[in-house]
C-alpha atoms as a PDB file:
ATOM      1  CA  UNK A   1     -36.141  -4.581   8.571  1.00  0.00           C
ATOM      2  CA  UNK A   2     -34.683  -7.596   7.454  1.00  0.00           C
ATOM      3  CA  UNK A   3     -32.638  -5.233   5.164  1.00  0.00           C
ATOM      4  CA  UNK A   4     -31.536  -3.375   7.964  1.00  0.00           C
ATOM      5  CA  UNK A   5     -30.372  -6.100   9.936  1.00  0.00           C
ATOM      6  CA  UNK A   6     -28.411  -7.455   6.645  1.00  0.00           C
ATOM      7  CA  UNK A   7     -26.843  -4.389   6.339  1.00  0.00           C
ATOM      8  CA  UNK A   8     -25.794  -4.001  10.119  1.00  0.00           C
ATOM      9  CA  UNK A   9     -24.236  -7.427   9.599  1.00  0.00           C
ATOM     10  CA  UNK A  10     -22.537  -6.781   6.693  1.00  0.00           C
ATOM     11  CA  UNK A  11     -21.051  -3.330   8.006  1.00  0.00           C
ATOM     12  CA  UNK A  12     -19.748  -5.275  11.383  1.00  0.00           C
ATOM     13  CA  UNK A  13     -18.492  -7.979   9.354  1.00  0.00           C
ATOM     14  CA  UNK A  14     -16.429  -5.239   6.958  1.00  0.00           C
ATOM     15  CA  UNK A  15     -15.103  -3.254  10.783  1.00  0.00           C
ATOM     16  CA  UNK A  16     -14.007  -7.042  12.011  1.00  0.00           C
ATOM     17  CA  UNK A  17     -11.688  -7.546   8.680  1.00  0.00           C
ATOM     18  CA  UNK A  18     -10.806  -4.216   9.264  1.00  0.00           C
ATOM     19  CA  UNK A  19      -9.093  -4.157  12.624  1.00  0.00           C
ATOM     20  CA  UNK A  20      -7.512  -7.554  11.610  1.00  0.00           C
ATOM     21  CA  UNK A  21      -5.367  -5.806   9.574  1.00  0.00           C
ATOM     22  CA  UNK A  22      -2.390  -4.208  11.835  1.00  0.00           C
ATOM     23  CA  UNK A  23      -1.954  -0.832  12.202  1.00  0.00           C
ATOM     24  CA  UNK A  24       1.120  -0.053   9.509  1.00  0.00           C
ATOM     25  CA  UNK A  25       4.718   1.301  10.783  1.00  0.00           C
ATOM     26  CA  UNK A  26       8.008   1.644   8.694  1.00  0.00           C
ATOM     27  CA  UNK A  27       8.805  -2.331   9.694  1.00  0.00           C
ATOM     28  CA  UNK A  28       5.412  -3.252   7.683  1.00  0.00           C
ATOM     29  CA  UNK A  29       5.356  -0.977   5.518  1.00  0.00           C
ATOM     30  CA  UNK A  30       8.728  -1.791   3.823  1.00  0.00           C
ATOM     31  CA  UNK A  31       7.540  -5.464   3.829  1.00  0.00           C
ATOM     32  CA  UNK A  32       5.259  -4.324   1.484  1.00  0.00           C
ATOM     33  CA  UNK A  33       7.427  -2.166  -0.716  1.00  0.00           C
ATOM     34  CA  UNK A  34      10.280  -5.126  -1.188  1.00  0.00           C
ATOM     35  CA  UNK A  35       7.020  -7.225  -2.167  1.00  0.00           C
ATOM     36  CA  UNK A  36       6.541  -4.679  -4.484  1.00  0.00           C
ATOM     37  CA  UNK A  37       9.605  -4.028  -5.421  1.00  0.00           C
ATOM     38  CA  UNK A  38      12.871  -6.372  -4.020  1.00  0.00           C
ATOM     39  CA  UNK A  39      15.511  -3.972  -5.584  1.00  0.00           C
ATOM     40  CA  UNK A  40      13.996  -1.235  -3.333  1.00  0.00           C
ATOM     41  CA  UNK A  41      16.375   0.756  -0.902  1.00  0.00           C
ATOM     42  CA  UNK A  42      15.654   1.987   2.644  1.00  0.00           C
ATOM     43  CA  UNK A  43      16.998   5.698   3.142  1.00  0.00           C
ATOM     44  CA  UNK A  44      16.663   7.762   6.197  1.00  0.00           C
ATOM     45  CA  UNK A  45      12.586   7.334   7.119  1.00  0.00           C
ATOM     46  CA  UNK A  46      11.665   5.879   3.988  1.00  0.00           C
ATOM     47  CA  UNK A  47      12.493   4.423   0.997  1.00  0.00           C
ATOM     48  CA  UNK A  48      13.166   4.479  -3.030  1.00  0.00           C
ATOM     49  CA  UNK A  49      11.181   1.933  -5.130  1.00  0.00           C
ATOM     50  CA  UNK A  50      10.768   1.353  -9.059  1.00  0.00           C
ATOM     51  CA  UNK A  51       6.920   1.175  -9.963  1.00  0.00           C
ATOM     52  CA  UNK A  52       6.162   0.733 -13.630  1.00  0.00           C
ATOM     53  CA  UNK A  53       9.599   2.021 -14.448  1.00  0.00           C
ATOM     54  CA  UNK A  54       9.073   5.382 -12.183  1.00  0.00           C
ATOM     55  CA  UNK A  55      10.973   6.282  -9.436  1.00  0.00           C
ATOM     56  CA  UNK A  56       8.996   6.389  -6.125  1.00  0.00           C
ATOM     57  CA  UNK A  57      10.241   8.001  -2.954  1.00  0.00           C
ATOM     58  CA  UNK A  58       8.234   6.752  -0.068  1.00  0.00           C
ATOM     59  CA  UNK A  59       8.729   8.987   3.202  1.00  0.00           C
ATOM     60  CA  UNK A  60       7.675   8.704   6.566  1.00  0.00           C
ATOM     61  CA  UNK A  61       7.401  10.623   9.871  1.00  0.00           C
ATOM     62  CA  UNK A  62       6.648   8.365  12.860  1.00  0.00           C
ATOM     63  CA  UNK A  63       6.142  11.230  14.951  1.00  0.00           C
ATOM     64  CA  UNK A  64       3.393  12.676  13.010  1.00  0.00           C
ATOM     65  CA  UNK A  65       2.057   9.550  12.015  1.00  0.00           C
ATOM     66  CA  UNK A  66       2.623  10.243   8.554  1.00  0.00           C
ATOM     67  CA  UNK A  67       3.318   8.950   4.856  1.00  0.00           C
ATOM     68  CA  UNK A  68       4.470  10.209   2.011  1.00  0.00           C
ATOM     69  CA  UNK A  69       4.499   8.906  -1.864  1.00  0.00           C
ATOM     70  CA  UNK A  70       5.713  11.251  -4.334  1.00  0.00           C
ATOM     71  CA  UNK A  71       6.923  11.138  -8.062  1.00  0.00           C
ATOM     72  CA  UNK A  72       9.271  14.214  -9.071  1.00  0.00           C
ATOM     73  CA  UNK A  73       7.649  15.354 -12.467  1.00  0.00           C
ATOM     74  CA  UNK A  74       9.735  18.230 -13.492  1.00  0.00           C
ATOM     75  CA  UNK A  75      10.316  21.692 -12.800  1.00  0.00           C
ATOM     76  CA  UNK A  76       7.359  23.919 -11.286  1.00  0.00           C
ATOM     77  CA  UNK A  77       9.129  26.763 -13.314  1.00  0.00           C
ATOM     78  CA  UNK A  78       7.850  25.671 -16.935  1.00  0.00           C
ATOM     79  CA  UNK A  79       4.132  25.912 -15.429  1.00  0.00           C
ATOM     80  CA  UNK A  80       1.668  28.119 -17.328  1.00  0.00           C
ATOM     81  CA  UNK A  81      -1.501  28.958 -15.753  1.00  0.00           C
ATOM     82  CA  UNK A  82      -3.052  26.994 -17.693  1.00  0.00           C
ATOM     83  CA  UNK A  83      -1.288  23.507 -16.755  1.00  0.00           C
ATOM     84  CA  UNK A  84      -1.797  24.404 -13.355  1.00  0.00           C
ATOM     85  CA  UNK A  85      -5.442  25.192 -13.688  1.00  0.00           C
ATOM     86  CA  UNK A  86      -5.625  21.981 -15.612  1.00  0.00           C
ATOM     87  CA  UNK A  87      -4.010  19.708 -12.202  1.00  0.00           C
ATOM     88  CA  UNK A  88      -6.394  21.695  -9.864  1.00  0.00           C
ATOM     89  CA  UNK A  89      -9.331  20.202 -12.073  1.00  0.00           C
ATOM     90  CA  UNK A  90      -7.870  16.786 -11.822  1.00  0.00           C
ATOM     91  CA  UNK A  91      -7.101  17.364  -8.078  1.00  0.00           C
ATOM     92  CA  UNK A  92     -11.261  17.363  -7.669  1.00  0.00           C
ATOM     93  CA  UNK A  93     -12.165  14.527  -9.858  1.00  0.00           C
ATOM     94  CA  UNK A  94      -9.294  12.584 -11.685  1.00  0.00           C
ATOM     95  CA  UNK A  95      -6.245  12.232  -9.552  1.00  0.00           C
ATOM     96  CA  UNK A  96      -8.546  10.090  -6.845  1.00  0.00           C
ATOM     97  CA  UNK A  97      -6.255   9.671  -3.714  1.00  0.00           C
ATOM     98  CA  UNK A  98      -2.334  10.809  -5.516  1.00  0.00           C
ATOM     99  CA  UNK A  99      -2.267  14.722  -5.973  1.00  0.00           C
ATOM    100  CA  UNK A 100      -0.294  17.304  -7.747  1.00  0.00           C
ATOM    101  CA  UNK A 101       1.735  19.491  -5.877  1.00  0.00           C
ATOM    102  CA  UNK A 102       4.645  21.827  -5.770  1.00  0.00           C
ATOM    103  CA  UNK A 103       7.527  21.979  -3.341  1.00  0.00           C
ATOM    104  CA  UNK A 104      10.870  23.252  -3.512  1.00  0.00           C
ATOM    105  CA  UNK A 105      10.861  24.160  -7.308  1.00  0.00           C
ATOM    106  CA  UNK A 106       9.510  20.866  -8.430  1.00  0.00           C
ATOM    107  CA  UNK A 107       5.834  19.122  -9.791  1.00  0.00           C
ATOM    108  CA  UNK A 108       5.392  16.558  -7.958  1.00  0.00           C
ATOM    109  CA  UNK A 109       2.556  13.293  -8.267  1.00  0.00           C
ATOM    110  CA  UNK A 110       1.745  12.718  -4.171  1.00  0.00           C
ATOM    111  CA  UNK A 111      -0.180  10.380  -2.165  1.00  0.00           C
ATOM    112  CA  UNK A 112       0.166  11.641   1.870  1.00  0.00           C
ATOM    113  CA  UNK A 113      -1.684   9.909   4.704  1.00  0.00           C
ATOM    114  CA  UNK A 114      -1.325   8.932   8.282  1.00  0.00           C
ATOM    115  CA  UNK A 115       0.445   6.293   8.501  1.00  0.00           C
ATOM    116  CA  UNK A 116      -0.659   3.896  11.251  1.00  0.00           C
ATOM    117  CA  UNK A 117      -4.317   3.300   9.697  1.00  0.00           C
ATOM    118  CA  UNK A 118      -2.745   3.094   6.425  1.00  0.00           C
ATOM    119  CA  UNK A 119      -4.140  -0.372   5.125  1.00  0.00           C
ATOM    120  CA  UNK A 120      -2.016  -2.264   2.678  1.00  0.00           C
ATOM    121  CA  UNK A 121      -4.541  -2.395  -0.526  1.00  0.00           C
ATOM    122  CA  UNK A 122      -4.318   1.797   0.295  1.00  0.00           C
ATOM    123  CA  UNK A 123      -0.567   1.732   0.301  1.00  0.00           C
ATOM    124  CA  UNK A 124      -0.557  -0.169  -3.183  1.00  0.00           C
ATOM    125  CA  UNK A 125      -3.423   1.578  -4.708  1.00  0.00           C
ATOM    126  CA  UNK A 126      -2.030   5.002  -3.913  1.00  0.00           C
ATOM    127  CA  UNK A 127       1.295   3.827  -4.797  1.00  0.00           C
ATOM    128  CA  UNK A 128      -0.311   3.036  -8.280  1.00  0.00           C
ATOM    129  CA  UNK A 129      -2.472   6.185  -8.360  1.00  0.00           C
ATOM    130  CA  UNK A 130       1.075   8.281  -7.624  1.00  0.00           C
ATOM    131  CA  UNK A 131       2.966   6.849 -10.707  1.00  0.00           C
ATOM    132  CA  UNK A 132      -0.393   7.301 -12.889  1.00  0.00           C
ATOM    133  CA  UNK A 133      -0.420  10.386 -12.406  1.00  0.00           C
ATOM    134  CA  UNK A 134       2.724  11.552 -12.960  1.00  0.00           C
ATOM    135  CA  UNK A 135       2.633   9.131 -16.210  1.00  0.00           C
ATOM    136  CA  UNK A 136      -0.583  11.075 -17.369  1.00  0.00           C
ATOM    137  CA  UNK A 137       0.400  14.810 -16.529  1.00  0.00           C
ATOM    138  CA  UNK A 138       0.097  16.658 -19.478  1.00  0.00           C
ATOM    139  CA  UNK A 139      -2.545  13.876 -21.322  1.00  0.00           C
ATOM    140  CA  UNK A 140      -4.972  12.468 -19.066  1.00  0.00           C
ATOM    141  CA  UNK A 141      -4.410  13.984 -15.622  1.00  0.00           C
ATOM    142  CA  UNK A 142      -5.297  10.171 -13.889  1.00  0.00           C
ATOM    143  CA  UNK A 143      -5.342   7.967 -11.180  1.00  0.00           C
ATOM    144  CA  UNK A 144      -6.470   5.516 -13.059  1.00  0.00           C
ATOM    145  CA  UNK A 145      -8.521   3.257 -10.395  1.00  0.00           C
ATOM    146  CA  UNK A 146     -11.843   5.163 -12.138  1.00  0.00           C
ATOM    147  CA  UNK A 147     -12.663   7.076 -14.939  1.00  0.00           C
ATOM    148  CA  UNK A 148     -15.407   8.699 -16.793  1.00  0.00           C
ATOM    149  CA  UNK A 149     -15.595   7.881 -20.618  1.00  0.00           C
ATOM    150  CA  UNK A 150     -15.308   4.276 -22.998  1.00  0.00           C
ATOM    151  CA  UNK A 151     -11.839   4.832 -24.303  1.00  0.00           C
ATOM    152  CA  UNK A 152      -8.669   3.034 -23.679  1.00  0.00           C
ATOM    153  CA  UNK A 153      -7.049   4.438 -20.786  1.00  0.00           C
ATOM    154  CA  UNK A 154      -9.219   3.507 -17.988  1.00  0.00           C
ATOM    155  CA  UNK A 155      -8.431   0.038 -18.470  1.00  0.00           C
ATOM    156  CA  UNK A 156      -4.710   0.316 -19.204  1.00  0.00           C
ATOM    157  CA  UNK A 157      -4.004   2.449 -16.094  1.00  0.00           C
ATOM    158  CA  UNK A 158      -6.474   0.289 -14.088  1.00  0.00           C
ATOM    159  CA  UNK A 159      -3.930  -2.546 -15.075  1.00  0.00           C
ATOM    160  CA  UNK A 160      -0.710  -1.171 -12.899  1.00  0.00           C
ATOM    161  CA  UNK A 161      -3.619  -1.132  -9.907  1.00  0.00           C
ATOM    162  CA  UNK A 162      -4.540  -4.734 -10.480  1.00  0.00           C
ATOM    163  CA  UNK A 163      -0.340  -5.698 -10.910  1.00  0.00           C
ATOM    164  CA  UNK A 164       0.403  -4.444  -7.577  1.00  0.00           C
ATOM    165  CA  UNK A 165      -2.519  -5.340  -5.217  1.00  0.00           C
ATOM    166  CA  UNK A 166      -1.675  -8.791  -7.139  1.00  0.00           C
ATOM    167  CA  UNK A 167       1.765  -8.773  -5.439  1.00  0.00           C
ATOM    168  CA  UNK A 168       0.491  -7.550  -2.267  1.00  0.00           C
ATOM    169  CA  UNK A 169      -1.464 -10.267  -2.066  1.00  0.00           C
ATOM    170  CA  UNK A 170       1.493 -12.316  -1.765  1.00  0.00           C
ATOM    171  CA  UNK A 171       2.553 -11.003   1.772  1.00  0.00           C
END
């Protein structure tokens, strides 16, 4: 009974903390992006920023309440059946919230999320995961936040997420 009460108190506290964060909109998204990259550039309904030397495009659609962060990886015409198979495996278990995608003949790393419920840390983590899967295409195919195995890759990829989360704390 005490465990149940403590669990309910913990959950209620977590929900209250989540509700304290305002809804994400274009203006708030821009403030977070400029905290991560002061050289970011707004364009139309989105932004272009650089994360770990990788150009990231972030596009919003306020009518559909959606956002998309994308990194172009290369031509989709060059993909073999084995490449496609490996990307689908990675989308299932190691890319986390980011995904490999194909559009207009290009292979992309992408993070897609409803805009208004998006939390600051979700955005930051999603951007880092998108950059990580672009950088690890052809090798580890990972978003970097959670990995199985005992190698050095997990810590190296997690560093980018931690670095961006620290920058986001300044907002």
